[in-house]
Amino acid sequence: MMKNMGNLDKGIRIVLAIIFATLYFTGTLPGTIGLVLLILSGIFVLTSIVGICPIYSILGISTCPLHNKE
């Protein structure tokens, strides 16, 4: 699969992942909502590291500047 995430997109996902994890681990968002956000933060980190978002692939979206010039 080709990468479909740009640096800004990756950065936003990492920042959100840090915020969600902080909210969960500090007890601000306990319970089911906190756990869902913690899982979502893991997905954000994973997709940022790999550079591929499966939902973007399904929808045909690419924020990667190298692939937008085609």
Protein backbone atom coordinates (compact mmCIF):
# COMPACT_ATOMS: atom_id res chain seq x y z
CA MET A 1 0.00 0.00 0.00
CA MET A 2 1.12 3.52 -0.72
CA LYS A 3 1.42 6.00 2.10
CA ASN A 4 -1.52 8.37 2.24
CA MET A 5 -0.78 10.53 5.29
CA GLY A 6 1.18 13.78 5.29
CA ASN A 7 3.33 15.11 8.13
CA LEU A 8 0.67 17.51 9.41
CA ASP A 9 -1.87 14.70 9.58
CA LYS A 10 0.60 12.48 11.44
CA GLY A 11 1.42 15.28 13.89
CA ILE A 12 -2.22 15.99 14.66
CA ARG A 13 -2.86 12.30 15.31
CA ILE A 14 0.14 12.04 17.65
CA VAL A 15 -0.96 15.11 19.61
CA LEU A 16 -4.50 13.75 19.92
CA ALA A 17 -3.15 10.38 21.03
CA ILE A 18 -1.11 12.05 23.78
CA ILE A 19 -4.12 14.06 24.92
CA PHE A 20 -6.43 11.01 24.96
CA ALA A 21 -3.90 8.87 26.83
CA THR A 22 -3.29 11.65 29.36
CA LEU A 23 -7.01 12.06 29.98
CA TYR A 24 -7.35 8.32 30.57
CA PHE A 25 -4.30 7.81 32.77
CA THR A 26 -5.01 10.86 34.95
CA GLY A 27 -8.53 9.58 35.57
CA THR A 28 -10.23 12.54 33.92
CA LEU A 29 -12.08 10.19 31.54
CA PRO A 30 -12.48 6.85 33.32
CA GLY A 31 -14.65 3.95 32.26
CA THR A 32 -15.78 3.00 28.81
CA ILE A 33 -15.28 6.40 27.19
CA GLY A 34 -11.73 6.58 28.50
CA LEU A 35 -10.95 3.07 27.31
CA VAL A 36 -12.37 3.76 23.84
CA LEU A 37 -10.24 6.92 23.58
CA LEU A 38 -7.17 4.99 24.78
CA ILE A 39 -7.70 2.39 22.05
CA LEU A 40 -8.26 5.17 19.52
CA SER A 41 -5.00 6.80 20.60
CA GLY A 42 -3.18 3.51 19.97
CA ILE A 43 -4.68 3.37 16.49
CA PHE A 44 -3.63 6.98 15.86
CA VAL A 45 -0.04 6.24 16.88
CA LEU A 46 0.09 3.08 14.77
CA THR A 47 -1.27 4.76 11.64
CA SER A 48 1.09 7.70 12.15
CA ILE A 49 4.12 5.43 12.38
CA VAL A 50 3.12 3.39 9.33
CA GLY A 51 1.88 6.40 7.36
CA ILE A 52 -1.20 4.59 6.06
CA CYS A 53 -4.78 5.22 7.13
CA PRO A 54 -7.13 2.40 6.04
CA ILE A 55 -10.15 4.72 6.06
CA TYR A 56 -8.32 7.15 3.78
CA SER A 57 -7.58 4.25 1.41
CA ILE A 58 -11.24 3.25 1.28
CA LEU A 59 -12.36 6.83 0.64
CA GLY A 60 -9.53 7.60 -1.81
CA ILE A 61 -8.12 10.42 0.34
CA SER A 62 -4.42 11.28 0.51
CA THR A 63 -2.81 14.03 2.57
CA CYS A 64 0.66 12.94 1.50
CA PRO A 65 2.08 15.71 -0.72
CA LEU A 66 4.17 13.30 -2.78
CA HIS A 67 1.11 11.41 -4.00
CA ASN A 68 -1.09 14.47 -4.56
CA LYS A 69 1.08 15.62 -7.51
CA GLU A 70 0.07 12.69 -9.75
